[in-house]
Amino acid sequence: MTSSIQIADHGGVRRITLNRPQVHNAFDDGLIAELTAALENAGNDHSVRAVVLTGEGASFSAGADLNWMRGMASASEADNRDDSLRLATLMRTLQYLPKPTIARVNGAAYGGGVGLVACCDIAIGVDSARFGLTEVKLGLVPAVISPYVIHAIGLRHARRLFVTGELFDAGTALQIGLLHQCVPAEQLDGAVDAALALLSKAGPVAQAEAKQLALRMAGADEARAESIDRENAALIARLRVSEEGQEGLGAFLSKRAAAWCAPG
């Protein structure tokens, strides 16, 4: 059985690669579990100075896997809540990881993929990447990733992108703060290496404290985040089993327009 992620260490840097290129590194139960465990391991490994998160193939992460979504569409509200809590745990683990993290955004990121980018300390992406928080088109909301996306891009931008579900390019991602740097594909590794070189010059204990300081001063408390995750998991579970959520998921999986879409 092929692993959903690949892990490689070099000079104190742990590179974690989402390894489902055939589905654009979309999330399913296996990937969520493996990535959460890998991040926890990296956080506890004293030999790891920094973590780089990236995707195999043309995309960073397309968000939810179609088969996973199909299963959740027919699951109970309780099962949907448990499923959402596992994704929330992944995002919270990355957000509060006691090591510097870099999102090496090698291609498109949608939904939960945007959440992963937002949870990293540094985000560097290719100029051809596309992004989207398209959940409202399915009658859903970007519930469990919302605290991290809002911290990354601010409330004003989040409000627009949450309600329109529009796609946006790398230049816009840079402008609103989702990306810190936007480069041509051939310069991506060089840009990541430059960031890693800066990180290597700092004391690891000071870095961990500085990261937590920034989060704390911004009002991002891990204990409170866990409580928010439970609330947001309950919200998305309720919406998935609602009439509108069922219509939106059914329309998407059937490749047809949802009932609320205007003709034309």
C-alpha atoms as a PDB file:
ATOM      1  CA  MET A   1       0.000   0.000   0.000  1.00  0.00           C
ATOM      2  CA  THR A   2       1.456   3.364  -1.043  1.00  0.00           C
ATOM      3  CA  SER A   3       1.905   5.907   1.720  1.00  0.00           C
ATOM      4  CA  SER A   4      -0.079   9.125   1.413  1.00  0.00           C
ATOM      5  CA  ILE A   5       3.007  11.134   2.374  1.00  0.00           C
ATOM      6  CA  GLN A   6       6.754  10.986   1.860  1.00  0.00           C
ATOM      7  CA  ILE A   7       9.237  12.061   4.534  1.00  0.00           C
ATOM      8  CA  ALA A   8      12.858  13.023   3.955  1.00  0.00           C
ATOM      9  CA  ASP A   9      15.426  14.552   6.335  1.00  0.00           C
ATOM     10  CA  HIS A  10      18.404  16.641   5.300  1.00  0.00           C
ATOM     11  CA  GLY A  11      20.542  18.846   7.530  1.00  0.00           C
ATOM     12  CA  GLY A  12      17.912  19.273  10.231  1.00  0.00           C
ATOM     13  CA  VAL A  13      15.125  19.955   7.716  1.00  0.00           C
ATOM     14  CA  ARG A  14      12.236  17.520   7.545  1.00  0.00           C
ATOM     15  CA  ARG A  15      10.476  17.618   4.204  1.00  0.00           C
ATOM     16  CA  ILE A  16       6.955  16.190   4.231  1.00  0.00           C
ATOM     17  CA  THR A  17       5.442  15.679   0.791  1.00  0.00           C
ATOM     18  CA  LEU A  18       1.765  14.971   0.176  1.00  0.00           C
ATOM     19  CA  ASN A  19       1.974  11.911  -2.060  1.00  0.00           C
ATOM     20  CA  ARG A  20      -1.359  11.464  -3.840  1.00  0.00           C
ATOM     21  CA  PRO A  21      -0.540  13.193  -7.149  1.00  0.00           C
ATOM     22  CA  GLN A  22      -3.136  11.162  -9.063  1.00  0.00           C
ATOM     23  CA  VAL A  23      -5.861  13.053  -7.148  1.00  0.00           C
ATOM     24  CA  HIS A  24      -3.919  16.310  -6.779  1.00  0.00           C
ATOM     25  CA  ASN A  25      -2.958  15.425  -3.177  1.00  0.00           C
ATOM     26  CA  ALA A  26      -6.557  15.568  -2.019  1.00  0.00           C
ATOM     27  CA  PHE A  27      -7.387  14.684   1.583  1.00  0.00           C
ATOM     28  CA  ASP A  28      -8.837  11.391   2.689  1.00  0.00           C
ATOM     29  CA  ASP A  29      -8.793   9.628   6.063  1.00  0.00           C
ATOM     30  CA  GLY A  30      -5.434   8.034   5.350  1.00  0.00           C
ATOM     31  CA  LEU A  31      -3.652  11.230   4.380  1.00  0.00           C
ATOM     32  CA  ILE A  32      -5.093  13.138   7.352  1.00  0.00           C
ATOM     33  CA  ALA A  33      -3.968  10.444   9.800  1.00  0.00           C
ATOM     34  CA  GLU A  34      -0.499  10.058   8.282  1.00  0.00           C
ATOM     35  CA  LEU A  35       0.158  13.777   8.037  1.00  0.00           C
ATOM     36  CA  THR A  36      -1.009  14.446  11.593  1.00  0.00           C
ATOM     37  CA  ALA A  37       1.279  11.691  12.921  1.00  0.00           C
ATOM     38  CA  ALA A  38       4.218  12.940  10.843  1.00  0.00           C
ATOM     39  CA  LEU A  39       3.809  16.481  12.138  1.00  0.00           C
ATOM     40  CA  GLU A  40       3.548  15.309  15.742  1.00  0.00           C
ATOM     41  CA  ASN A  41       6.716  13.257  15.258  1.00  0.00           C
ATOM     42  CA  ALA A  42       8.558  16.231  13.763  1.00  0.00           C
ATOM     43  CA  GLY A  43       7.484  18.439  16.640  1.00  0.00           C
ATOM     44  CA  ASN A  44       8.915  15.983  19.150  1.00  0.00           C
ATOM     45  CA  ASP A  45      12.161  15.238  17.273  1.00  0.00           C
ATOM     46  CA  HIS A  46      15.030  17.360  18.623  1.00  0.00           C
ATOM     47  CA  SER A  47      17.048  16.765  15.445  1.00  0.00           C
ATOM     48  CA  VAL A  48      14.443  18.589  13.345  1.00  0.00           C
ATOM     49  CA  ARG A  49      15.063  22.339  13.054  1.00  0.00           C
ATOM     50  CA  ALA A  50      12.408  23.139  10.432  1.00  0.00           C
ATOM     51  CA  VAL A  51       9.622  21.456   8.474  1.00  0.00           C
ATOM     52  CA  VAL A  52       8.878  21.976   4.775  1.00  0.00           C
ATOM     53  CA  LEU A  53       5.434  20.892   3.585  1.00  0.00           C
ATOM     54  CA  THR A  54       4.833  20.430  -0.144  1.00  0.00           C
ATOM     55  CA  GLY A  55       2.963  18.339  -2.697  1.00  0.00           C
ATOM     56  CA  GLU A  56       4.032  15.730  -5.224  1.00  0.00           C
ATOM     57  CA  GLY A  57       3.150  16.433  -8.848  1.00  0.00           C
ATOM     58  CA  ALA A  58       1.371  19.461 -10.255  1.00  0.00           C
ATOM     59  CA  SER A  59      -0.706  20.471  -7.202  1.00  0.00           C
ATOM     60  CA  PHE A  60      -0.123  21.339  -3.574  1.00  0.00           C
ATOM     61  CA  SER A  61      -3.496  20.003  -2.407  1.00  0.00           C
ATOM     62  CA  ALA A  62      -6.945  20.035  -3.978  1.00  0.00           C
ATOM     63  CA  GLY A  63      -8.726  19.768  -0.616  1.00  0.00           C
ATOM     64  CA  ALA A  64     -11.244  16.964  -0.093  1.00  0.00           C
ATOM     65  CA  ASP A  65     -10.977  13.736  -2.074  1.00  0.00           C
ATOM     66  CA  LEU A  66     -14.077  12.935  -4.161  1.00  0.00           C
ATOM     67  CA  ASN A  67     -14.536   9.443  -2.739  1.00  0.00           C
ATOM     68  CA  TRP A  68     -14.081  10.805   0.769  1.00  0.00           C
ATOM     69  CA  MET A  69     -16.722  13.451   0.069  1.00  0.00           C
ATOM     70  CA  ARG A  70     -19.052  10.798  -1.333  1.00  0.00           C
ATOM     71  CA  GLY A  71     -18.726   8.836   1.890  1.00  0.00           C
ATOM     72  CA  MET A  72     -19.331  11.886   4.052  1.00  0.00           C
ATOM     73  CA  ALA A  73     -22.426  12.811   2.014  1.00  0.00           C
ATOM     74  CA  SER A  74     -24.078   9.565   3.062  1.00  0.00           C
ATOM     75  CA  ALA A  75     -22.698   9.482   6.625  1.00  0.00           C
ATOM     76  CA  SER A  76     -24.534  10.472   9.786  1.00  0.00           C
ATOM     77  CA  GLU A  77     -24.148  13.846  11.453  1.00  0.00           C
ATOM     78  CA  ALA A  78     -22.144  12.211  14.270  1.00  0.00           C
ATOM     79  CA  ASP A  79     -19.772  10.523  11.796  1.00  0.00           C
ATOM     80  CA  ASN A  80     -19.359  13.803   9.919  1.00  0.00           C
ATOM     81  CA  ARG A  81     -18.522  15.562  13.174  1.00  0.00           C
ATOM     82  CA  ASP A  82     -15.866  12.984  14.034  1.00  0.00           C
ATOM     83  CA  ASP A  83     -14.439  13.238  10.529  1.00  0.00           C
ATOM     84  CA  SER A  84     -14.237  17.034  10.770  1.00  0.00           C
ATOM     85  CA  LEU A  85     -12.542  16.818  14.154  1.00  0.00           C
ATOM     86  CA  ARG A  86      -9.750  14.718  12.645  1.00  0.00           C
ATOM     87  CA  LEU A  87      -9.132  17.377   9.992  1.00  0.00           C
ATOM     88  CA  ALA A  88      -9.300  20.074  12.667  1.00  0.00           C
ATOM     89  CA  THR A  89      -6.681  18.225  14.718  1.00  0.00           C
ATOM     90  CA  LEU A  90      -4.384  18.153  11.686  1.00  0.00           C
ATOM     91  CA  MET A  91      -4.697  21.896  11.152  1.00  0.00           C
ATOM     92  CA  ARG A  92      -4.225  22.683  14.848  1.00  0.00           C
ATOM     93  CA  THR A  93      -1.151  20.438  15.031  1.00  0.00           C
ATOM     94  CA  LEU A  94       0.445  22.303  12.124  1.00  0.00           C
ATOM     95  CA  GLN A  95      -0.532  25.735  13.419  1.00  0.00           C
ATOM     96  CA  TYR A  96       1.023  25.187  16.855  1.00  0.00           C
ATOM     97  CA  LEU A  97       3.953  22.963  15.820  1.00  0.00           C
ATOM     98  CA  PRO A  98       6.973  23.965  17.972  1.00  0.00           C
ATOM     99  CA  LYS A  99       9.213  24.157  14.885  1.00  0.00           C
ATOM    100  CA  PRO A 100       9.341  26.699  12.042  1.00  0.00           C
ATOM    101  CA  THR A 101       7.241  25.539   9.101  1.00  0.00           C
ATOM    102  CA  ILE A 102       7.415  26.433   5.411  1.00  0.00           C
ATOM    103  CA  ALA A 103       4.670  25.754   2.886  1.00  0.00           C
ATOM    104  CA  ARG A 104       6.378  25.054  -0.435  1.00  0.00           C
ATOM    105  CA  VAL A 105       3.325  25.689  -2.598  1.00  0.00           C
ATOM    106  CA  ASN A 106       4.206  23.926  -5.843  1.00  0.00           C
ATOM    107  CA  GLY A 107       0.760  24.293  -7.407  1.00  0.00           C
ATOM    108  CA  ALA A 108      -2.953  24.725  -6.800  1.00  0.00           C
ATOM    109  CA  ALA A 109      -4.399  24.728  -3.275  1.00  0.00           C
ATOM    110  CA  TYR A 110      -8.123  24.554  -2.600  1.00  0.00           C
ATOM    111  CA  GLY A 111     -10.204  24.212   0.562  1.00  0.00           C
ATOM    112  CA  GLY A 112      -8.200  22.298   3.139  1.00  0.00           C
ATOM    113  CA  GLY A 113      -5.088  22.865   1.028  1.00  0.00           C
ATOM    114  CA  VAL A 114      -5.484  26.593   1.651  1.00  0.00           C
ATOM    115  CA  GLY A 115      -5.805  25.731   5.349  1.00  0.00           C
ATOM    116  CA  LEU A 116      -2.423  23.982   5.305  1.00  0.00           C
ATOM    117  CA  VAL A 117      -0.791  27.010   3.674  1.00  0.00           C
ATOM    118  CA  ALA A 118      -2.369  29.345   6.219  1.00  0.00           C
ATOM    119  CA  CYS A 119      -1.128  27.236   9.147  1.00  0.00           C
ATOM    120  CA  CYS A 120       2.528  27.434   8.092  1.00  0.00           C
ATOM    121  CA  ASP A 121       4.846  30.168   9.385  1.00  0.00           C
ATOM    122  CA  ILE A 122       6.232  30.914   5.934  1.00  0.00           C
ATOM    123  CA  ALA A 123       4.432  30.346   2.617  1.00  0.00           C
ATOM    124  CA  ILE A 124       6.290  30.458  -0.690  1.00  0.00           C
ATOM    125  CA  GLY A 125       4.433  29.590  -3.870  1.00  0.00           C
ATOM    126  CA  VAL A 126       4.830  29.368  -7.620  1.00  0.00           C
ATOM    127  CA  ASP A 127       3.348  32.224  -9.631  1.00  0.00           C
ATOM    128  CA  SER A 128       1.123  29.803 -11.576  1.00  0.00           C
ATOM    129  CA  ALA A 129      -0.682  28.495  -8.476  1.00  0.00           C
ATOM    130  CA  ARG A 130      -4.428  28.937  -8.074  1.00  0.00           C
ATOM    131  CA  PHE A 131      -6.375  29.032  -4.824  1.00  0.00           C
ATOM    132  CA  GLY A 132      -9.976  28.815  -3.704  1.00  0.00           C
ATOM    133  CA  LEU A 133     -12.283  28.460  -0.735  1.00  0.00           C
ATOM    134  CA  THR A 134     -15.183  27.105  -2.751  1.00  0.00           C
ATOM    135  CA  GLU A 135     -17.221  25.379  -0.029  1.00  0.00           C
ATOM    136  CA  VAL A 136     -20.268  27.660  -0.366  1.00  0.00           C
ATOM    137  CA  LYS A 137     -20.770  26.366  -3.908  1.00  0.00           C
ATOM    138  CA  LEU A 138     -21.542  23.003  -2.278  1.00  0.00           C
ATOM    139  CA  GLY A 139     -23.850  24.476   0.329  1.00  0.00           C
ATOM    140  CA  LEU A 140     -21.061  24.189   2.923  1.00  0.00           C
ATOM    141  CA  VAL A 141     -18.551  26.467   4.695  1.00  0.00           C
ATOM    142  CA  PRO A 142     -14.757  26.315   5.276  1.00  0.00           C
ATOM    143  CA  ALA A 143     -15.445  25.611   8.938  1.00  0.00           C
ATOM    144  CA  VAL A 144     -12.438  23.932  10.536  1.00  0.00           C
ATOM    145  CA  ILE A 145      -9.850  25.884   8.533  1.00  0.00           C
ATOM    146  CA  SER A 146     -11.544  29.242   9.135  1.00  0.00           C
ATOM    147  CA  PRO A 147      -9.561  30.368  12.237  1.00  0.00           C
ATOM    148  CA  TYR A 148      -6.251  29.800  10.469  1.00  0.00           C
ATOM    149  CA  VAL A 149      -7.269  31.364   7.165  1.00  0.00           C
ATOM    150  CA  ILE A 150      -8.653  34.432   8.945  1.00  0.00           C
ATOM    151  CA  HIS A 151      -5.426  34.805  10.940  1.00  0.00           C
ATOM    152  CA  ALA A 152      -3.462  34.588   7.686  1.00  0.00           C
ATOM    153  CA  ILE A 153      -5.427  36.925   5.420  1.00  0.00           C
ATOM    154  CA  GLY A 154      -7.555  38.988   7.798  1.00  0.00           C
ATOM    155  CA  LEU A 155     -11.277  39.198   8.311  1.00  0.00           C
ATOM    156  CA  ARG A 156     -12.027  41.537   5.397  1.00  0.00           C
ATOM    157  CA  HIS A 157     -10.491  39.293   2.738  1.00  0.00           C
ATOM    158  CA  ALA A 158     -11.878  36.168   4.398  1.00  0.00           C
ATOM    159  CA  ARG A 159     -15.430  37.489   4.354  1.00  0.00           C
ATOM    160  CA  ARG A 160     -15.265  38.063   0.621  1.00  0.00           C
ATOM    161  CA  LEU A 161     -13.633  34.751  -0.257  1.00  0.00           C
ATOM    162  CA  PHE A 162     -15.827  32.720   2.101  1.00  0.00           C
ATOM    163  CA  VAL A 163     -19.084  34.033   0.609  1.00  0.00           C
ATOM    164  CA  THR A 164     -18.108  34.178  -3.089  1.00  0.00           C
ATOM    165  CA  GLY A 165     -16.192  30.904  -3.290  1.00  0.00           C
ATOM    166  CA  GLU A 166     -14.183  32.512  -6.080  1.00  0.00           C
ATOM    167  CA  LEU A 167     -10.845  31.252  -7.369  1.00  0.00           C
ATOM    168  CA  PHE A 168      -7.843  33.562  -7.139  1.00  0.00           C
ATOM    169  CA  ASP A 169      -4.306  33.555  -8.460  1.00  0.00           C
ATOM    170  CA  ALA A 170      -0.918  33.607  -6.768  1.00  0.00           C
ATOM    171  CA  GLY A 171      -0.594  37.364  -7.152  1.00  0.00           C
ATOM    172  CA  THR A 172      -3.792  37.861  -5.174  1.00  0.00           C
ATOM    173  CA  ALA A 173      -2.642  35.285  -2.603  1.00  0.00           C
ATOM    174  CA  LEU A 174       0.513  37.356  -2.154  1.00  0.00           C
ATOM    175  CA  GLN A 175      -1.423  40.599  -1.894  1.00  0.00           C
ATOM    176  CA  ILE A 176      -3.791  39.345   0.820  1.00  0.00           C
ATOM    177  CA  GLY A 177      -1.085  37.624   2.860  1.00  0.00           C
ATOM    178  CA  LEU A 178      -1.742  33.945   2.156  1.00  0.00           C
ATOM    179  CA  LEU A 179       1.664  33.776   0.451  1.00  0.00           C
ATOM    180  CA  HIS A 180       4.751  35.622   1.671  1.00  0.00           C
ATOM    181  CA  GLN A 181       6.598  35.158  -1.608  1.00  0.00           C
ATOM    182  CA  CYS A 182       5.575  34.313  -5.163  1.00  0.00           C
ATOM    183  CA  VAL A 183       8.196  33.064  -7.630  1.00  0.00           C
ATOM    184  CA  PRO A 184       8.498  31.315 -11.012  1.00  0.00           C
ATOM    185  CA  ALA A 185       8.553  27.521 -10.696  1.00  0.00           C
ATOM    186  CA  GLU A 186      12.273  27.292 -11.450  1.00  0.00           C
ATOM    187  CA  GLN A 187      13.025  29.608  -8.511  1.00  0.00           C
ATOM    188  CA  LEU A 188      10.845  27.854  -5.924  1.00  0.00           C
ATOM    189  CA  ASP A 189      13.521  25.639  -4.385  1.00  0.00           C
ATOM    190  CA  GLY A 190      15.983  28.510  -4.242  1.00  0.00           C
ATOM    191  CA  ALA A 191      13.463  30.674  -2.417  1.00  0.00           C
ATOM    192  CA  VAL A 192      12.713  27.892   0.078  1.00  0.00           C
ATOM    193  CA  ASP A 193      16.441  27.290   0.621  1.00  0.00           C
ATOM    194  CA  ALA A 194      16.962  31.007   1.295  1.00  0.00           C
ATOM    195  CA  ALA A 195      14.241  30.942   3.942  1.00  0.00           C
ATOM    196  CA  LEU A 196      15.757  27.824   5.505  1.00  0.00           C
ATOM    197  CA  ALA A 197      19.158  29.533   5.609  1.00  0.00           C
ATOM    198  CA  LEU A 198      17.631  32.385   7.615  1.00  0.00           C
ATOM    199  CA  LEU A 199      15.952  29.931   9.981  1.00  0.00           C
ATOM    200  CA  SER A 200      19.208  28.038  10.541  1.00  0.00           C
ATOM    201  CA  LYS A 201      20.867  31.120  12.054  1.00  0.00           C
ATOM    202  CA  ALA A 202      18.388  31.420  14.943  1.00  0.00           C
ATOM    203  CA  GLY A 203      18.338  29.599  18.268  1.00  0.00           C
ATOM    204  CA  PRO A 204      15.793  26.757  18.144  1.00  0.00           C
ATOM    205  CA  VAL A 205      14.429  27.427  21.640  1.00  0.00           C
ATOM    206  CA  ALA A 206      14.098  31.136  20.869  1.00  0.00           C
ATOM    207  CA  GLN A 207      12.353  30.301  17.594  1.00  0.00           C
ATOM    208  CA  ALA A 208       9.818  28.097  19.334  1.00  0.00           C
ATOM    209  CA  GLU A 209       9.170  30.779  21.933  1.00  0.00           C
ATOM    210  CA  ALA A 210       8.979  33.514  19.286  1.00  0.00           C
ATOM    211  CA  LYS A 211       6.410  31.549  17.318  1.00  0.00           C
ATOM    212  CA  GLN A 212       4.242  30.969  20.376  1.00  0.00           C
ATOM    213  CA  LEU A 213       4.681  34.622  21.381  1.00  0.00           C
ATOM    214  CA  ALA A 214       3.379  35.827  18.030  1.00  0.00           C
ATOM    215  CA  LEU A 215       0.410  33.465  18.199  1.00  0.00           C
ATOM    216  CA  ARG A 216      -0.357  34.384  21.786  1.00  0.00           C
ATOM    217  CA  MET A 217      -0.173  38.131  21.151  1.00  0.00           C
ATOM    218  CA  ALA A 218      -2.570  37.665  18.224  1.00  0.00           C
ATOM    219  CA  GLY A 219      -5.029  35.894  20.509  1.00  0.00           C
ATOM    220  CA  ALA A 220      -4.388  32.419  19.092  1.00  0.00           C
ATOM    221  CA  ASP A 221      -4.527  30.117  22.113  1.00  0.00           C
ATOM    222  CA  GLU A 222      -4.191  26.369  21.544  1.00  0.00           C
ATOM    223  CA  ALA A 223      -6.623  25.388  24.302  1.00  0.00           C
ATOM    224  CA  ARG A 224      -9.213  27.818  22.968  1.00  0.00           C
ATOM    225  CA  ALA A 225      -8.489  26.578  19.428  1.00  0.00           C
ATOM    226  CA  GLU A 226      -9.493  23.056  20.442  1.00  0.00           C
ATOM    227  CA  SER A 227     -12.822  24.366  21.731  1.00  0.00           C
ATOM    228  CA  ILE A 228     -13.374  26.327  18.509  1.00  0.00           C
ATOM    229  CA  ASP A 229     -12.557  23.197  16.503  1.00  0.00           C
ATOM    230  CA  ARG A 230     -15.341  21.301  18.260  1.00  0.00           C
ATOM    231  CA  GLU A 231     -17.810  24.088  17.497  1.00  0.00           C
ATOM    232  CA  ASN A 232     -16.775  24.279  13.843  1.00  0.00           C
ATOM    233  CA  ALA A 233     -16.815  20.489  13.418  1.00  0.00           C
ATOM    234  CA  ALA A 234     -20.388  20.461  14.706  1.00  0.00           C
ATOM    235  CA  LEU A 235     -21.263  23.255  12.262  1.00  0.00           C
ATOM    236  CA  ILE A 236     -19.891  21.533   9.162  1.00  0.00           C
ATOM    237  CA  ALA A 237     -21.447  18.208  10.216  1.00  0.00           C
ATOM    238  CA  ARG A 238     -24.846  19.874  10.521  1.00  0.00           C
ATOM    239  CA  LEU A 239     -24.478  21.532   7.112  1.00  0.00           C
ATOM    240  CA  ARG A 240     -23.334  18.343   5.373  1.00  0.00           C
ATOM    241  CA  VAL A 241     -26.498  16.488   6.373  1.00  0.00           C
ATOM    242  CA  SER A 242     -28.800  19.478   5.793  1.00  0.00           C
ATOM    243  CA  GLU A 243     -31.074  19.690   2.751  1.00  0.00           C
ATOM    244  CA  GLU A 244     -28.897  22.332   1.120  1.00  0.00           C
ATOM    245  CA  GLY A 245     -25.661  20.516   1.895  1.00  0.00           C
ATOM    246  CA  GLN A 246     -27.022  17.269   0.489  1.00  0.00           C
ATOM    247  CA  GLU A 247     -28.138  19.071  -2.669  1.00  0.00           C
ATOM    248  CA  GLY A 248     -24.775  20.786  -3.069  1.00  0.00           C
ATOM    249  CA  LEU A 249     -22.732  17.640  -2.530  1.00  0.00           C
ATOM    250  CA  GLY A 250     -25.055  15.620  -4.751  1.00  0.00           C
ATOM    251  CA  ALA A 251     -24.833  18.195  -7.533  1.00  0.00           C
ATOM    252  CA  PHE A 252     -21.048  18.322  -7.328  1.00  0.00           C
ATOM    253  CA  LEU A 253     -20.628  14.556  -7.320  1.00  0.00           C
ATOM    254  CA  SER A 254     -23.106  14.236 -10.212  1.00  0.00           C
ATOM    255  CA  LYS A 255     -21.426  17.086 -12.121  1.00  0.00           C
ATOM    256  CA  ARG A 256     -24.603  19.106 -12.423  1.00  0.00           C
ATOM    257  CA  ALA A 257     -25.655  22.572 -11.309  1.00  0.00           C
ATOM    258  CA  ALA A 258     -27.091  22.865  -7.808  1.00  0.00           C
ATOM    259  CA  ALA A 259     -30.755  23.779  -7.497  1.00  0.00           C
ATOM    260  CA  TRP A 260     -29.979  27.293  -6.278  1.00  0.00           C
ATOM    261  CA  CYS A 261     -27.765  28.192  -9.260  1.00  0.00           C
ATOM    262  CA  ALA A 262     -29.173  30.767 -11.660  1.00  0.00           C
ATOM    263  CA  PRO A 263     -29.661  29.408 -15.190  1.00  0.00           C
ATOM    264  CA  GLY A 264     -27.158  30.320 -17.853  1.00  0.00           C
END
